[in-house]
């Protein structure tokens, strides 16, 4: 299904300081996020890199979006640390899409014992659009926006059972009353004129959550696209200092079903 969403029109200063190290191992020791994968339908749980600390759980993973037949599949090519590997040569992706999607999951109250809803925290998603060994991040809060077609739910939401709010008012209510948000995105959603989403190389994606400006959880993955995987440390320091978070107006994305 094709969904449209608007991001906030303004460029917003994040004001978040990163400290400590990134969690870069399977979330919950299993790679399974809580409660399930709630976006789309039939999307398998598992192979998420992430962290669950103080009832706040963050997860990231890569997944084949376009196989040789142009279809999504439950292939993650995960090394069990932080790296996901995909080959454009075995993909039939459109020229404006990468062969893989990256998927993120946020749960602010995994045990049901805390009082955090989604809008009680702020988040920073950093998407590396530089296929070289360097990084060039586009950064923004993927949750606290005017409207995003994130799948929303709580700890009782089943597989594929997340709700996509029908508009800004419903979305604001959703993030104020629910604790799970997830989505599946492609590099092609972020790269009009900036970089070829088919460019082979190394892409890094970071996700952090903060309370009152203090980071309480963070995770990071690397996606090797058409290049030979190389070993990386299990934990790496994140950037320190204020990082700009960007909002975008009128861009589109495709929610995949597998």
C-alpha atoms as a PDB file:
ATOM      1  CA  UNK A   1       0.000   0.000   0.000  1.00  0.00           C
ATOM      2  CA  UNK A   2       1.202   3.512  -0.743  1.00  0.00           C
ATOM      3  CA  UNK A   3       0.990   5.923   2.165  1.00  0.00           C
ATOM      4  CA  UNK A   4       1.790   9.618   2.186  1.00  0.00           C
ATOM      5  CA  UNK A   5       2.932  11.582   5.171  1.00  0.00           C
ATOM      6  CA  UNK A   6       4.082  15.044   6.062  1.00  0.00           C
ATOM      7  CA  UNK A   7       6.955  15.899   8.320  1.00  0.00           C
ATOM      8  CA  UNK A   8       7.266  19.177  10.176  1.00  0.00           C
ATOM      9  CA  UNK A   9       8.103  22.135   7.941  1.00  0.00           C
ATOM     10  CA  UNK A  10      10.769  23.611  10.185  1.00  0.00           C
ATOM     11  CA  UNK A  11      14.342  22.563  10.754  1.00  0.00           C
ATOM     12  CA  UNK A  12      14.609  21.821  14.480  1.00  0.00           C
ATOM     13  CA  UNK A  13      17.691  21.835  16.702  1.00  0.00           C
ATOM     14  CA  UNK A  14      17.897  18.502  18.445  1.00  0.00           C
ATOM     15  CA  UNK A  15      19.819  19.666  21.497  1.00  0.00           C
ATOM     16  CA  UNK A  16      20.629  16.062  22.395  1.00  0.00           C
ATOM     17  CA  UNK A  17      23.951  15.005  23.818  1.00  0.00           C
ATOM     18  CA  UNK A  18      25.096  11.456  23.135  1.00  0.00           C
ATOM     19  CA  UNK A  19      27.025   9.759  25.884  1.00  0.00           C
ATOM     20  CA  UNK A  20      28.196   6.275  26.693  1.00  0.00           C
ATOM     21  CA  UNK A  21      28.244   3.614  23.984  1.00  0.00           C
ATOM     22  CA  UNK A  22      25.823   2.251  21.442  1.00  0.00           C
ATOM     23  CA  UNK A  23      24.083  -1.063  21.993  1.00  0.00           C
ATOM     24  CA  UNK A  24      25.036  -3.153  18.961  1.00  0.00           C
ATOM     25  CA  UNK A  25      23.930  -6.704  19.722  1.00  0.00           C
ATOM     26  CA  UNK A  26      20.610  -8.530  19.238  1.00  0.00           C
ATOM     27  CA  UNK A  27      17.904  -6.688  21.187  1.00  0.00           C
ATOM     28  CA  UNK A  28      16.771  -8.616  24.284  1.00  0.00           C
ATOM     29  CA  UNK A  29      19.478 -11.185  23.491  1.00  0.00           C
ATOM     30  CA  UNK A  30      17.130 -12.734  20.944  1.00  0.00           C
ATOM     31  CA  UNK A  31      16.764 -10.134  18.218  1.00  0.00           C
ATOM     32  CA  UNK A  32      13.023 -10.027  18.915  1.00  0.00           C
ATOM     33  CA  UNK A  33      11.327  -6.695  19.561  1.00  0.00           C
ATOM     34  CA  UNK A  34       8.400  -6.188  21.942  1.00  0.00           C
ATOM     35  CA  UNK A  35       5.599  -7.006  21.380  1.00  0.00           C
ATOM     36  CA  UNK A  36       5.909  -8.004  17.694  1.00  0.00           C
ATOM     37  CA  UNK A  37       6.463  -6.503  14.282  1.00  0.00           C
ATOM     38  CA  UNK A  38       3.261  -4.498  14.026  1.00  0.00           C
ATOM     39  CA  UNK A  39       3.572  -2.747  10.638  1.00  0.00           C
ATOM     40  CA  UNK A  40       2.260  -4.156   7.375  1.00  0.00           C
ATOM     41  CA  UNK A  41       1.204  -7.778   7.482  1.00  0.00           C
ATOM     42  CA  UNK A  42       3.177 -10.979   7.738  1.00  0.00           C
ATOM     43  CA  UNK A  43       6.481  -9.278   8.583  1.00  0.00           C
ATOM     44  CA  UNK A  44       8.556 -11.632  10.720  1.00  0.00           C
ATOM     45  CA  UNK A  45      10.029 -10.614  14.053  1.00  0.00           C
ATOM     46  CA  UNK A  46      13.735 -11.127  14.727  1.00  0.00           C
ATOM     47  CA  UNK A  47      17.250 -10.035  13.715  1.00  0.00           C
ATOM     48  CA  UNK A  48      16.897  -6.608  15.350  1.00  0.00           C
ATOM     49  CA  UNK A  49      19.988  -4.949  16.789  1.00  0.00           C
ATOM     50  CA  UNK A  50      19.055  -2.902  19.816  1.00  0.00           C
ATOM     51  CA  UNK A  51      18.751  -2.207  23.496  1.00  0.00           C
ATOM     52  CA  UNK A  52      16.157  -2.518  26.250  1.00  0.00           C
ATOM     53  CA  UNK A  53      17.014  -0.306  29.184  1.00  0.00           C
ATOM     54  CA  UNK A  54      14.696   1.121  31.818  1.00  0.00           C
ATOM     55  CA  UNK A  55      11.728  -0.316  29.899  1.00  0.00           C
ATOM     56  CA  UNK A  56      12.696   1.662  26.784  1.00  0.00           C
ATOM     57  CA  UNK A  57      13.441  -0.620  23.846  1.00  0.00           C
ATOM     58  CA  UNK A  58      14.989   0.442  20.533  1.00  0.00           C
ATOM     59  CA  UNK A  59      15.544  -1.854  17.570  1.00  0.00           C
ATOM     60  CA  UNK A  60      17.025  -1.491  14.080  1.00  0.00           C
ATOM     61  CA  UNK A  61      17.492  -3.997  11.268  1.00  0.00           C
ATOM     62  CA  UNK A  62      17.981  -4.310   7.527  1.00  0.00           C
ATOM     63  CA  UNK A  63      15.828  -6.523   5.308  1.00  0.00           C
ATOM     64  CA  UNK A  64      15.595  -7.487   1.644  1.00  0.00           C
ATOM     65  CA  UNK A  65      12.936  -5.300   0.060  1.00  0.00           C
ATOM     66  CA  UNK A  66      13.451  -6.246  -3.580  1.00  0.00           C
ATOM     67  CA  UNK A  67      14.660  -9.750  -4.363  1.00  0.00           C
ATOM     68  CA  UNK A  68      15.408 -11.018  -7.885  1.00  0.00           C
ATOM     69  CA  UNK A  69      11.662 -11.049  -8.531  1.00  0.00           C
ATOM     70  CA  UNK A  70      11.206  -7.527  -7.172  1.00  0.00           C
ATOM     71  CA  UNK A  71       9.430  -8.803  -4.047  1.00  0.00           C
ATOM     72  CA  UNK A  72      10.145  -8.402  -0.306  1.00  0.00           C
ATOM     73  CA  UNK A  73      11.312 -11.374   1.695  1.00  0.00           C
ATOM     74  CA  UNK A  74      12.286 -12.280   5.269  1.00  0.00           C
ATOM     75  CA  UNK A  75      16.018 -12.151   4.577  1.00  0.00           C
ATOM     76  CA  UNK A  76      18.094 -10.100   6.973  1.00  0.00           C
ATOM     77  CA  UNK A  77      21.662 -11.353   6.349  1.00  0.00           C
ATOM     78  CA  UNK A  78      22.503 -10.394   9.947  1.00  0.00           C
ATOM     79  CA  UNK A  79      25.907 -11.134  11.451  1.00  0.00           C
ATOM     80  CA  UNK A  80      24.506 -11.173  15.009  1.00  0.00           C
ATOM     81  CA  UNK A  81      26.417  -8.040  15.910  1.00  0.00           C
ATOM     82  CA  UNK A  82      25.405  -4.888  14.028  1.00  0.00           C
ATOM     83  CA  UNK A  83      25.923  -5.564  10.330  1.00  0.00           C
ATOM     84  CA  UNK A  84      23.447  -6.488   7.574  1.00  0.00           C
ATOM     85  CA  UNK A  85      24.660  -7.382   4.086  1.00  0.00           C
ATOM     86  CA  UNK A  86      22.729  -7.080   0.806  1.00  0.00           C
ATOM     87  CA  UNK A  87      23.628  -7.456  -2.859  1.00  0.00           C
ATOM     88  CA  UNK A  88      22.175  -5.214  -5.573  1.00  0.00           C
ATOM     89  CA  UNK A  89      23.266  -7.861  -8.093  1.00  0.00           C
ATOM     90  CA  UNK A  90      20.634 -10.270  -6.746  1.00  0.00           C
ATOM     91  CA  UNK A  91      17.916  -7.626  -6.618  1.00  0.00           C
ATOM     92  CA  UNK A  92      15.374  -6.323  -9.079  1.00  0.00           C
ATOM     93  CA  UNK A  93      14.860  -2.956  -7.422  1.00  0.00           C
ATOM     94  CA  UNK A  94      13.583   0.171  -9.182  1.00  0.00           C
ATOM     95  CA  UNK A  95      16.318   2.657 -10.027  1.00  0.00           C
ATOM     96  CA  UNK A  96      15.095   5.014  -7.300  1.00  0.00           C
ATOM     97  CA  UNK A  97      15.143   2.376  -4.544  1.00  0.00           C
ATOM     98  CA  UNK A  98      17.806   0.365  -2.750  1.00  0.00           C
ATOM     99  CA  UNK A  99      17.464  -3.428  -2.597  1.00  0.00           C
ATOM    100  CA  UNK A 100      17.037  -3.254   1.186  1.00  0.00           C
ATOM    101  CA  UNK A 101      14.781  -1.488   3.664  1.00  0.00           C
ATOM    102  CA  UNK A 102      15.868  -0.490   7.146  1.00  0.00           C
ATOM    103  CA  UNK A 103      13.296  -1.024   9.861  1.00  0.00           C
ATOM    104  CA  UNK A 104      13.041   0.600  13.278  1.00  0.00           C
ATOM    105  CA  UNK A 105      11.073  -0.154  16.427  1.00  0.00           C
ATOM    106  CA  UNK A 106      10.491   1.962  19.542  1.00  0.00           C
ATOM    107  CA  UNK A 107       8.733   0.779  22.717  1.00  0.00           C
ATOM    108  CA  UNK A 108       8.690   3.169  25.674  1.00  0.00           C
ATOM    109  CA  UNK A 109       7.159   0.766  28.214  1.00  0.00           C
ATOM    110  CA  UNK A 110       8.061  -2.849  27.492  1.00  0.00           C
ATOM    111  CA  UNK A 111       7.086  -4.231  30.910  1.00  0.00           C
ATOM    112  CA  UNK A 112       3.923  -2.179  31.294  1.00  0.00           C
ATOM    113  CA  UNK A 113       5.261  -0.885  34.621  1.00  0.00           C
ATOM    114  CA  UNK A 114       6.519   2.538  33.531  1.00  0.00           C
ATOM    115  CA  UNK A 115       4.426   5.564  32.636  1.00  0.00           C
ATOM    116  CA  UNK A 116       6.079   6.601  29.371  1.00  0.00           C
ATOM    117  CA  UNK A 117       4.038   7.051  26.217  1.00  0.00           C
ATOM    118  CA  UNK A 118       5.696   7.754  22.893  1.00  0.00           C
ATOM    119  CA  UNK A 119       5.492  11.551  23.123  1.00  0.00           C
ATOM    120  CA  UNK A 120       7.038  11.595  26.613  1.00  0.00           C
ATOM    121  CA  UNK A 121      10.444  11.058  24.989  1.00  0.00           C
ATOM    122  CA  UNK A 122      12.297  12.583  22.054  1.00  0.00           C
ATOM    123  CA  UNK A 123      14.172  10.552  19.452  1.00  0.00           C
ATOM    124  CA  UNK A 124      16.918  10.981  16.918  1.00  0.00           C
ATOM    125  CA  UNK A 125      17.113   8.801  13.824  1.00  0.00           C
ATOM    126  CA  UNK A 126      20.297   9.345  11.799  1.00  0.00           C
ATOM    127  CA  UNK A 127      20.388   7.947   8.270  1.00  0.00           C
ATOM    128  CA  UNK A 128      23.757   7.866   6.559  1.00  0.00           C
ATOM    129  CA  UNK A 129      23.438   8.837   2.883  1.00  0.00           C
ATOM    130  CA  UNK A 130      27.177   8.519   2.213  1.00  0.00           C
ATOM    131  CA  UNK A 131      28.134   5.131   0.707  1.00  0.00           C
ATOM    132  CA  UNK A 132      31.826   5.644   1.462  1.00  0.00           C
ATOM    133  CA  UNK A 133      33.468   4.759   4.757  1.00  0.00           C
ATOM    134  CA  UNK A 134      32.584   8.274   5.907  1.00  0.00           C
ATOM    135  CA  UNK A 135      29.155   9.386   7.061  1.00  0.00           C
ATOM    136  CA  UNK A 136      26.747  12.125   6.018  1.00  0.00           C
ATOM    137  CA  UNK A 137      23.633  11.944   8.153  1.00  0.00           C
ATOM    138  CA  UNK A 138      20.159  13.237   7.583  1.00  0.00           C
ATOM    139  CA  UNK A 139      18.758  13.414  11.119  1.00  0.00           C
ATOM    140  CA  UNK A 140      15.292  13.900  12.589  1.00  0.00           C
ATOM    141  CA  UNK A 141      12.850  12.706  15.225  1.00  0.00           C
ATOM    142  CA  UNK A 142      10.785   9.965  13.519  1.00  0.00           C
ATOM    143  CA  UNK A 143       7.951  10.081  16.080  1.00  0.00           C
ATOM    144  CA  UNK A 144       7.313  13.627  17.286  1.00  0.00           C
ATOM    145  CA  UNK A 145       6.119  15.096  14.022  1.00  0.00           C
ATOM    146  CA  UNK A 146       2.933  16.711  12.795  1.00  0.00           C
ATOM    147  CA  UNK A 147       2.037  13.466  11.049  1.00  0.00           C
ATOM    148  CA  UNK A 148       3.892  10.313  10.047  1.00  0.00           C
ATOM    149  CA  UNK A 149       2.429   7.029   8.823  1.00  0.00           C
ATOM    150  CA  UNK A 150       4.128   5.052  11.575  1.00  0.00           C
ATOM    151  CA  UNK A 151       2.391   1.920  12.808  1.00  0.00           C
ATOM    152  CA  UNK A 152       1.316   2.580  16.419  1.00  0.00           C
ATOM    153  CA  UNK A 153       0.278   0.138  19.123  1.00  0.00           C
ATOM    154  CA  UNK A 154       0.887  -1.140  22.638  1.00  0.00           C
ATOM    155  CA  UNK A 155       2.171  -4.293  24.314  1.00  0.00           C
ATOM    156  CA  UNK A 156      -0.927  -6.243  23.302  1.00  0.00           C
ATOM    157  CA  UNK A 157      -0.693  -5.408  19.583  1.00  0.00           C
ATOM    158  CA  UNK A 158      -0.216  -8.507  17.460  1.00  0.00           C
ATOM    159  CA  UNK A 159       1.780  -9.105  14.302  1.00  0.00           C
ATOM    160  CA  UNK A 160       0.771  -6.588  11.637  1.00  0.00           C
ATOM    161  CA  UNK A 161      -1.836  -5.116  13.971  1.00  0.00           C
ATOM    162  CA  UNK A 162      -0.427  -1.605  14.296  1.00  0.00           C
ATOM    163  CA  UNK A 163      -2.688   1.337  13.533  1.00  0.00           C
ATOM    164  CA  UNK A 164      -1.738   4.026  11.032  1.00  0.00           C
ATOM    165  CA  UNK A 165      -3.428   7.245  12.142  1.00  0.00           C
ATOM    166  CA  UNK A 166      -5.727   8.792   9.501  1.00  0.00           C
ATOM    167  CA  UNK A 167      -4.469  12.331  10.100  1.00  0.00           C
ATOM    168  CA  UNK A 168      -2.593  14.766  12.324  1.00  0.00           C
ATOM    169  CA  UNK A 169      -5.185  14.891  15.132  1.00  0.00           C
ATOM    170  CA  UNK A 170      -5.438  11.111  15.374  1.00  0.00           C
ATOM    171  CA  UNK A 171      -1.656  10.794  15.165  1.00  0.00           C
ATOM    172  CA  UNK A 172      -1.105  13.239  18.042  1.00  0.00           C
ATOM    173  CA  UNK A 173      -3.582  11.268  20.145  1.00  0.00           C
ATOM    174  CA  UNK A 174      -1.881   8.013  19.179  1.00  0.00           C
ATOM    175  CA  UNK A 175       1.603   8.992  20.307  1.00  0.00           C
ATOM    176  CA  UNK A 176       0.142  10.464  23.527  1.00  0.00           C
ATOM    177  CA  UNK A 177      -1.648   7.235  24.477  1.00  0.00           C
ATOM    178  CA  UNK A 178       0.428   4.405  22.994  1.00  0.00           C
ATOM    179  CA  UNK A 179       3.940   3.147  23.601  1.00  0.00           C
ATOM    180  CA  UNK A 180       4.986   1.345  20.402  1.00  0.00           C
ATOM    181  CA  UNK A 181       5.937   2.882  17.053  1.00  0.00           C
ATOM    182  CA  UNK A 182       7.510   1.114  14.091  1.00  0.00           C
ATOM    183  CA  UNK A 183       8.186   1.671  10.410  1.00  0.00           C
ATOM    184  CA  UNK A 184      10.021   0.271   7.382  1.00  0.00           C
ATOM    185  CA  UNK A 185      11.852   2.740   5.135  1.00  0.00           C
ATOM    186  CA  UNK A 186      14.068   2.701   2.062  1.00  0.00           C
ATOM    187  CA  UNK A 187      17.049   4.887   1.193  1.00  0.00           C
ATOM    188  CA  UNK A 188      15.118   6.002  -1.855  1.00  0.00           C
ATOM    189  CA  UNK A 189      12.646   7.837   0.383  1.00  0.00           C
ATOM    190  CA  UNK A 190      15.426  10.194   1.512  1.00  0.00           C
ATOM    191  CA  UNK A 191      17.634  10.690  -1.514  1.00  0.00           C
ATOM    192  CA  UNK A 192      15.961  12.838  -4.213  1.00  0.00           C
ATOM    193  CA  UNK A 193      18.959  14.429  -5.913  1.00  0.00           C
ATOM    194  CA  UNK A 194      21.307  13.749  -2.985  1.00  0.00           C
ATOM    195  CA  UNK A 195      22.691  10.299  -3.663  1.00  0.00           C
ATOM    196  CA  UNK A 196      21.904   7.284  -5.811  1.00  0.00           C
ATOM    197  CA  UNK A 197      20.056   4.787  -3.562  1.00  0.00           C
ATOM    198  CA  UNK A 198      21.635   2.047  -5.683  1.00  0.00           C
ATOM    199  CA  UNK A 199      25.154   3.251  -4.807  1.00  0.00           C
ATOM    200  CA  UNK A 200      27.149   0.418  -3.295  1.00  0.00           C
ATOM    201  CA  UNK A 201      28.915   0.973  -0.011  1.00  0.00           C
ATOM    202  CA  UNK A 202      28.544   1.201   3.748  1.00  0.00           C
ATOM    203  CA  UNK A 203      25.532   2.893   5.336  1.00  0.00           C
ATOM    204  CA  UNK A 204      25.216   3.554   9.074  1.00  0.00           C
ATOM    205  CA  UNK A 205      21.894   4.114  10.845  1.00  0.00           C
ATOM    206  CA  UNK A 206      21.608   5.323  14.446  1.00  0.00           C
ATOM    207  CA  UNK A 207      18.566   5.570  16.711  1.00  0.00           C
ATOM    208  CA  UNK A 208      18.452   7.180  20.160  1.00  0.00           C
ATOM    209  CA  UNK A 209      15.815   8.098  22.737  1.00  0.00           C
ATOM    210  CA  UNK A 210      16.127  10.950  25.210  1.00  0.00           C
ATOM    211  CA  UNK A 211      14.261  12.160  28.285  1.00  0.00           C
ATOM    212  CA  UNK A 212      14.530  15.884  29.036  1.00  0.00           C
ATOM    213  CA  UNK A 213      17.469  16.136  26.636  1.00  0.00           C
ATOM    214  CA  UNK A 214      19.410  13.254  28.196  1.00  0.00           C
ATOM    215  CA  UNK A 215      19.936  10.137  26.076  1.00  0.00           C
ATOM    216  CA  UNK A 216      18.643   7.038  27.859  1.00  0.00           C
ATOM    217  CA  UNK A 217      18.974   4.472  25.060  1.00  0.00           C
ATOM    218  CA  UNK A 218      20.775   4.244  21.731  1.00  0.00           C
ATOM    219  CA  UNK A 219      21.555   1.680  19.064  1.00  0.00           C
ATOM    220  CA  UNK A 220      23.297   1.592  15.698  1.00  0.00           C
ATOM    221  CA  UNK A 221      23.620  -0.664  12.664  1.00  0.00           C
ATOM    222  CA  UNK A 222      25.733  -0.827   9.517  1.00  0.00           C
ATOM    223  CA  UNK A 223      24.393  -1.973   6.172  1.00  0.00           C
ATOM    224  CA  UNK A 224      26.939  -3.364   3.732  1.00  0.00           C
ATOM    225  CA  UNK A 225      25.446  -2.890   0.269  1.00  0.00           C
ATOM    226  CA  UNK A 226      27.262  -4.722  -2.496  1.00  0.00           C
ATOM    227  CA  UNK A 227      30.612  -4.729  -0.704  1.00  0.00           C
ATOM    228  CA  UNK A 228      32.461  -7.352   1.333  1.00  0.00           C
ATOM    229  CA  UNK A 229      31.560  -7.246   5.048  1.00  0.00           C
ATOM    230  CA  UNK A 230      34.312  -6.220   7.429  1.00  0.00           C
ATOM    231  CA  UNK A 231      34.424  -6.903  11.191  1.00  0.00           C
ATOM    232  CA  UNK A 232      33.340  -4.002  13.411  1.00  0.00           C
ATOM    233  CA  UNK A 233      33.510  -3.518  17.185  1.00  0.00           C
ATOM    234  CA  UNK A 234      30.458  -4.643  19.154  1.00  0.00           C
ATOM    235  CA  UNK A 235      30.055  -1.170  20.634  1.00  0.00           C
ATOM    236  CA  UNK A 236      31.068   2.197  19.245  1.00  0.00           C
ATOM    237  CA  UNK A 237      30.768   5.690  20.724  1.00  0.00           C
ATOM    238  CA  UNK A 238      28.099   7.918  19.190  1.00  0.00           C
ATOM    239  CA  UNK A 239      28.622  11.490  18.197  1.00  0.00           C
ATOM    240  CA  UNK A 240      28.819  14.004  21.020  1.00  0.00           C
ATOM    241  CA  UNK A 241      27.301  17.436  20.998  1.00  0.00           C
ATOM    242  CA  UNK A 242      24.176  18.960  19.563  1.00  0.00           C
ATOM    243  CA  UNK A 243      22.998  17.431  16.294  1.00  0.00           C
ATOM    244  CA  UNK A 244      20.524  19.061  13.937  1.00  0.00           C
ATOM    245  CA  UNK A 245      17.278  17.193  13.410  1.00  0.00           C
ATOM    246  CA  UNK A 246      15.568  17.861  10.116  1.00  0.00           C
ATOM    247  CA  UNK A 247      11.899  17.818   9.099  1.00  0.00           C
ATOM    248  CA  UNK A 248      10.771  17.238   5.555  1.00  0.00           C
ATOM    249  CA  UNK A 249       7.566  18.214   3.831  1.00  0.00           C
ATOM    250  CA  UNK A 250       5.648  16.154   1.327  1.00  0.00           C
ATOM    251  CA  UNK A 251       7.910  13.150   0.869  1.00  0.00           C
ATOM    252  CA  UNK A 252       6.460   9.709   0.266  1.00  0.00           C
ATOM    253  CA  UNK A 253       7.305   6.167   1.195  1.00  0.00           C
ATOM    254  CA  UNK A 254       6.070   2.702   0.476  1.00  0.00           C
ATOM    255  CA  UNK A 255       5.079   0.335   3.272  1.00  0.00           C
ATOM    256  CA  UNK A 256       6.102  -3.191   2.367  1.00  0.00           C
ATOM    257  CA  UNK A 257       4.347  -6.425   3.071  1.00  0.00           C
ATOM    258  CA  UNK A 258       6.156  -9.731   3.141  1.00  0.00           C
END
